[in-house]
Amino acid sequence: MTRSIVMAAWAAALLAGVAQAQTVRLPEAEAKKAVTQKVDPEYPPMARQLRLSGRVQLEVYIDEQGAVEKVEAANGNPILTAAASNAVKKWKFTPVQAGGKPAKAVTTLTFDFKL
């Protein structure tokens, strides 16, 4: 009996931790509206010299306070992706709410580099 009570308490604690760690997926348009501080990416000199252009997509992870927690390249040239990633790391967002509580969020942001 004691073992089943301990297992039930452990399961409840585990589920509570999962609920707190909920991450909300934000559509790109909604995420762009939630930006409160934005730094535009600089065109990398090497990319300009090599005449590189193209689209970059980043997966951006936002913490409960609206700060960028992590950026991962999803698609695009590595030189251009690095420039976009460095800029996005300085962005701030309006904190996301889920169920009336602050929540982490993830979104995809797209950048077009054109010469």
C-alpha atoms as a PDB file:
ATOM      1  CA  MET A   1       0.000   0.000   0.000  1.00  0.00           C
ATOM      2  CA  THR A   2       2.773   2.446   0.944  1.00  0.00           C
ATOM      3  CA  ARG A   3       4.561   1.690  -2.298  1.00  0.00           C
ATOM      4  CA  SER A   4       1.470   2.548  -4.371  1.00  0.00           C
ATOM      5  CA  ILE A   5       1.074   5.854  -2.481  1.00  0.00           C
ATOM      6  CA  VAL A   6       4.716   6.725  -3.154  1.00  0.00           C
ATOM      7  CA  MET A   7       4.314   5.789  -6.842  1.00  0.00           C
ATOM      8  CA  ALA A   8       1.154   7.906  -7.115  1.00  0.00           C
ATOM      9  CA  ALA A   9       2.896  10.896  -5.488  1.00  0.00           C
ATOM     10  CA  TRP A  10       5.895  10.464  -7.802  1.00  0.00           C
ATOM     11  CA  ALA A  11       3.634  10.288 -10.874  1.00  0.00           C
ATOM     12  CA  ALA A  12       1.747  13.414  -9.759  1.00  0.00           C
ATOM     13  CA  ALA A  13       5.020  15.309  -9.240  1.00  0.00           C
ATOM     14  CA  LEU A  14       6.278  14.181 -12.647  1.00  0.00           C
ATOM     15  CA  LEU A  15       3.067  15.287 -14.361  1.00  0.00           C
ATOM     16  CA  ALA A  16       3.191  18.648 -12.567  1.00  0.00           C
ATOM     17  CA  GLY A  17       6.729  19.183 -13.857  1.00  0.00           C
ATOM     18  CA  VAL A  18       5.631  18.341 -17.391  1.00  0.00           C
ATOM     19  CA  ALA A  19       2.743  20.805 -17.132  1.00  0.00           C
ATOM     20  CA  GLN A  20       5.097  23.574 -15.973  1.00  0.00           C
ATOM     21  CA  ALA A  21       7.519  22.873 -18.828  1.00  0.00           C
ATOM     22  CA  GLN A  22       4.826  23.339 -21.500  1.00  0.00           C
ATOM     23  CA  THR A  23       6.101  25.038 -24.629  1.00  0.00           C
ATOM     24  CA  VAL A  24       3.687  26.929 -26.867  1.00  0.00           C
ATOM     25  CA  ARG A  25       4.184  26.864 -30.663  1.00  0.00           C
ATOM     26  CA  LEU A  26       3.720  30.408 -32.019  1.00  0.00           C
ATOM     27  CA  PRO A  27       2.918  31.039 -35.681  1.00  0.00           C
ATOM     28  CA  GLU A  28       5.534  33.291 -37.299  1.00  0.00           C
ATOM     29  CA  ALA A  29       3.090  36.170 -37.842  1.00  0.00           C
ATOM     30  CA  GLU A  30       2.042  36.130 -34.184  1.00  0.00           C
ATOM     31  CA  ALA A  31       5.655  35.995 -33.011  1.00  0.00           C
ATOM     32  CA  LYS A  32       6.581  38.990 -35.181  1.00  0.00           C
ATOM     33  CA  LYS A  33       3.732  40.998 -33.632  1.00  0.00           C
ATOM     34  CA  ALA A  34       5.040  40.083 -30.150  1.00  0.00           C
ATOM     35  CA  VAL A  35       8.550  41.487 -30.795  1.00  0.00           C
ATOM     36  CA  THR A  36       9.328  44.356 -28.403  1.00  0.00           C
ATOM     37  CA  GLN A  37      13.036  44.746 -29.216  1.00  0.00           C
ATOM     38  CA  LYS A  38      14.491  43.899 -32.615  1.00  0.00           C
ATOM     39  CA  VAL A  39      17.983  43.913 -34.121  1.00  0.00           C
ATOM     40  CA  ASP A  40      18.181  43.514 -37.894  1.00  0.00           C
ATOM     41  CA  PRO A  41      20.715  41.009 -39.221  1.00  0.00           C
ATOM     42  CA  GLU A  42      23.788  42.476 -40.888  1.00  0.00           C
ATOM     43  CA  TYR A  43      24.681  41.191 -44.333  1.00  0.00           C
ATOM     44  CA  PRO A  44      27.931  39.283 -43.743  1.00  0.00           C
ATOM     45  CA  PRO A  45      30.848  40.800 -45.719  1.00  0.00           C
ATOM     46  CA  MET A  46      31.935  37.329 -46.874  1.00  0.00           C
ATOM     47  CA  ALA A  47      28.427  36.576 -48.153  1.00  0.00           C
ATOM     48  CA  ARG A  48      28.415  39.907 -50.001  1.00  0.00           C
ATOM     49  CA  GLN A  49      31.841  39.163 -51.505  1.00  0.00           C
ATOM     50  CA  LEU A  50      30.691  35.683 -52.586  1.00  0.00           C
ATOM     51  CA  ARG A  51      27.394  37.177 -53.808  1.00  0.00           C
ATOM     52  CA  LEU A  52      25.404  34.834 -51.581  1.00  0.00           C
ATOM     53  CA  SER A  53      21.713  35.456 -51.148  1.00  0.00           C
ATOM     54  CA  GLY A  54      18.805  33.361 -50.017  1.00  0.00           C
ATOM     55  CA  ARG A  55      16.242  32.525 -47.395  1.00  0.00           C
ATOM     56  CA  VAL A  56      17.102  31.504 -43.849  1.00  0.00           C
ATOM     57  CA  GLN A  57      14.741  29.845 -41.382  1.00  0.00           C
ATOM     58  CA  LEU A  58      15.462  29.693 -37.665  1.00  0.00           C
ATOM     59  CA  GLU A  59      13.765  27.851 -34.812  1.00  0.00           C
ATOM     60  CA  VAL A  60      13.653  30.393 -31.971  1.00  0.00           C
ATOM     61  CA  TYR A  61      13.055  29.316 -28.372  1.00  0.00           C
ATOM     62  CA  ILE A  62      11.657  32.035 -26.088  1.00  0.00           C
ATOM     63  CA  ASP A  63      11.680  31.856 -22.280  1.00  0.00           C
ATOM     64  CA  GLU A  64       8.869  32.848 -19.897  1.00  0.00           C
ATOM     65  CA  GLN A  65      10.165  36.445 -19.680  1.00  0.00           C
ATOM     66  CA  GLY A  66      10.231  36.923 -23.468  1.00  0.00           C
ATOM     67  CA  ALA A  67      14.003  36.588 -23.911  1.00  0.00           C
ATOM     68  CA  VAL A  68      15.485  34.395 -26.623  1.00  0.00           C
ATOM     69  CA  GLU A  69      16.719  31.248 -24.937  1.00  0.00           C
ATOM     70  CA  LYS A  70      18.095  29.362 -27.940  1.00  0.00           C
ATOM     71  CA  VAL A  71      18.273  29.656 -31.730  1.00  0.00           C
ATOM     72  CA  GLU A  72      18.687  26.707 -34.094  1.00  0.00           C
ATOM     73  CA  ALA A  73      19.195  26.847 -37.850  1.00  0.00           C
ATOM     74  CA  ALA A  74      16.344  25.101 -39.648  1.00  0.00           C
ATOM     75  CA  ASN A  75      17.219  25.958 -43.240  1.00  0.00           C
ATOM     76  CA  GLY A  76      19.581  28.149 -45.231  1.00  0.00           C
ATOM     77  CA  ASN A  77      23.187  28.936 -46.038  1.00  0.00           C
ATOM     78  CA  PRO A  78      25.386  28.653 -42.901  1.00  0.00           C
ATOM     79  CA  ILE A  79      26.978  32.098 -43.401  1.00  0.00           C
ATOM     80  CA  LEU A  80      23.594  33.808 -43.713  1.00  0.00           C
ATOM     81  CA  THR A  81      22.105  31.658 -40.953  1.00  0.00           C
ATOM     82  CA  ALA A  82      24.834  32.742 -38.529  1.00  0.00           C
ATOM     83  CA  ALA A  83      24.109  36.434 -39.232  1.00  0.00           C
ATOM     84  CA  ALA A  84      20.369  35.992 -38.673  1.00  0.00           C
ATOM     85  CA  SER A  85      20.947  33.917 -35.539  1.00  0.00           C
ATOM     86  CA  ASN A  86      23.291  36.515 -34.008  1.00  0.00           C
ATOM     87  CA  ALA A  87      20.666  39.224 -34.531  1.00  0.00           C
ATOM     88  CA  VAL A  88      17.705  37.189 -33.218  1.00  0.00           C
ATOM     89  CA  LYS A  89      19.575  36.331 -30.008  1.00  0.00           C
ATOM     90  CA  LYS A  90      19.242  40.046 -29.113  1.00  0.00           C
ATOM     91  CA  TRP A  91      15.467  40.159 -29.694  1.00  0.00           C
ATOM     92  CA  LYS A  92      12.873  40.438 -26.916  1.00  0.00           C
ATOM     93  CA  PHE A  93       9.247  39.341 -27.078  1.00  0.00           C
ATOM     94  CA  THR A  94       6.094  40.008 -25.096  1.00  0.00           C
ATOM     95  CA  PRO A  95       5.938  37.044 -22.692  1.00  0.00           C
ATOM     96  CA  VAL A  96       3.654  34.236 -23.843  1.00  0.00           C
ATOM     97  CA  GLN A  97       0.780  33.075 -21.642  1.00  0.00           C
ATOM     98  CA  ALA A  98      -0.667  29.553 -21.559  1.00  0.00           C
ATOM     99  CA  GLY A  99      -3.574  28.924 -19.239  1.00  0.00           C
ATOM    100  CA  GLY A 100      -3.047  32.330 -17.649  1.00  0.00           C
ATOM    101  CA  LYS A 101       0.549  31.527 -16.698  1.00  0.00           C
ATOM    102  CA  PRO A 102       3.854  32.523 -18.317  1.00  0.00           C
ATOM    103  CA  ALA A 103       5.051  29.859 -20.753  1.00  0.00           C
ATOM    104  CA  LYS A 104       8.002  29.110 -22.958  1.00  0.00           C
ATOM    105  CA  ALA A 105       7.444  29.391 -26.694  1.00  0.00           C
ATOM    106  CA  VAL A 106       9.017  28.289 -29.943  1.00  0.00           C
ATOM    107  CA  THR A 107       8.547  29.827 -33.370  1.00  0.00           C
ATOM    108  CA  THR A 108      10.057  29.708 -36.826  1.00  0.00           C
ATOM    109  CA  LEU A 109      11.388  33.021 -38.161  1.00  0.00           C
ATOM    110  CA  THR A 110      12.257  33.557 -41.827  1.00  0.00           C
ATOM    111  CA  PHE A 111      14.809  36.035 -43.172  1.00  0.00           C
ATOM    112  CA  ASP A 112      15.489  36.872 -46.813  1.00  0.00           C
ATOM    113  CA  PHE A 113      19.002  38.033 -47.694  1.00  0.00           C
ATOM    114  CA  LYS A 114      19.087  39.820 -51.055  1.00  0.00           C
ATOM    115  CA  LEU A 115      21.905  41.709 -52.729  1.00  0.00           C
END
